[in-house]
Amino acid sequence: MILIGTGSELSVALAAQEKLEADGIPTRVVSMPCQEWFDEQSAEYRESVLPAAVTARVSVEAGIAMGWAKYVGARARP
């Protein structure tokens, strides 16, 4: 499982990580303060942060869901 958040949402993602891992679900939290900067990184780096093999992904966003689908996958829901 990968949880992706920015700013204040990271505390929510970290709390969720604790609960998921307590239930035996390995969980990575990714801080992505700027999608544009992330997209400018090499393909190897982006893959190391968001491995394609991990399709269980959730964006933690207090605002709008726009823009997160490309990171959480085609089956993402707002």
Protein backbone atom coordinates (compact mmCIF):
# COMPACT_ATOMS: atom_id res chain seq x y z
CA MET A 1 0.00 0.00 0.00
CA ILE A 2 1.23 3.48 -0.83
CA LEU A 3 -0.29 6.57 0.76
CA ILE A 4 0.59 9.85 -0.96
CA GLY A 5 0.05 13.22 0.69
CA THR A 6 1.24 16.76 1.07
CA GLY A 7 1.59 19.16 3.96
CA SER A 8 -0.84 18.66 6.82
CA GLU A 9 -2.32 15.56 5.19
CA LEU A 10 0.89 13.66 5.97
CA SER A 11 -0.13 13.33 9.62
CA VAL A 12 -3.33 11.60 8.47
CA ALA A 13 -1.34 9.34 6.14
CA LEU A 14 1.11 8.43 8.92
CA ALA A 15 -1.73 7.60 11.31
CA ALA A 16 -3.30 5.40 8.63
CA GLN A 17 0.07 3.72 8.05
CA GLU A 18 0.27 2.76 11.72
CA LYS A 19 -3.18 1.16 11.62
CA LEU A 20 -2.59 -0.62 8.32
CA GLU A 21 0.77 -2.02 9.42
CA ALA A 22 -0.77 -3.15 12.74
CA ASP A 23 -3.16 -5.17 10.56
CA GLY A 24 -0.22 -6.66 8.66
CA ILE A 25 -0.45 -4.45 5.57
CA PRO A 26 2.98 -3.09 4.60
CA THR A 27 2.48 0.61 3.89
CA ARG A 28 4.70 3.34 2.47
CA VAL A 29 3.95 7.02 2.99
CA VAL A 30 5.14 9.34 0.23
CA SER A 31 5.37 13.09 0.75
CA MET A 32 4.71 14.80 -2.57
CA PRO A 33 4.64 18.54 -1.94
CA CYS A 34 4.91 19.33 -5.65
CA GLN A 35 3.68 17.02 -8.39
CA GLU A 36 5.49 19.02 -11.05
CA TRP A 37 8.87 18.55 -9.33
CA PHE A 38 8.20 14.84 -8.91
CA ASP A 39 7.33 14.53 -12.62
CA GLU A 40 10.65 16.20 -13.55
CA GLN A 41 12.66 13.46 -11.80
CA SER A 42 14.16 10.53 -13.69
CA ALA A 43 12.00 7.54 -14.49
CA GLU A 44 14.23 5.43 -12.24
CA TYR A 45 13.67 7.74 -9.27
CA ARG A 46 9.91 7.91 -9.82
CA GLU A 47 9.79 4.11 -10.00
CA SER A 48 11.79 3.82 -6.78
CA VAL A 49 9.26 6.05 -4.97
CA LEU A 50 6.08 4.74 -6.62
CA PRO A 51 6.84 1.19 -7.83
CA ALA A 52 4.51 0.15 -10.64
CA ALA A 53 4.10 -3.23 -8.96
CA VAL A 54 2.31 -1.59 -6.02
CA THR A 55 -1.16 -0.80 -7.34
CA ALA A 56 -2.82 -0.28 -3.94
CA ARG A 57 -2.48 3.49 -3.66
CA VAL A 58 -4.40 6.26 -1.96
CA SER A 59 -3.92 10.01 -2.18
CA VAL A 60 -4.66 11.86 1.04
CA GLU A 61 -5.89 15.30 0.02
CA ALA A 62 -7.96 17.77 2.02
CA GLY A 63 -8.67 19.89 -1.06
CA ILE A 64 -9.57 18.58 -4.48
CA ALA A 65 -8.73 15.21 -6.03
CA MET A 66 -7.73 16.73 -9.37
CA GLY A 67 -4.30 15.63 -10.51
CA TRP A 68 -3.87 12.61 -8.23
CA ALA A 69 -5.25 9.95 -10.61
CA LYS A 70 -1.95 9.69 -12.49
CA TYR A 71 -0.26 8.60 -9.24
CA VAL A 72 -2.92 6.39 -7.70
CA GLY A 73 -4.07 4.65 -10.87
CA ALA A 74 -6.87 4.46 -13.38
CA ARG A 75 -9.34 3.03 -10.85
CA ALA A 76 -8.97 6.03 -8.55
CA ARG A 77 -12.09 7.64 -7.15
CA PRO A 78 -12.38 11.19 -5.83
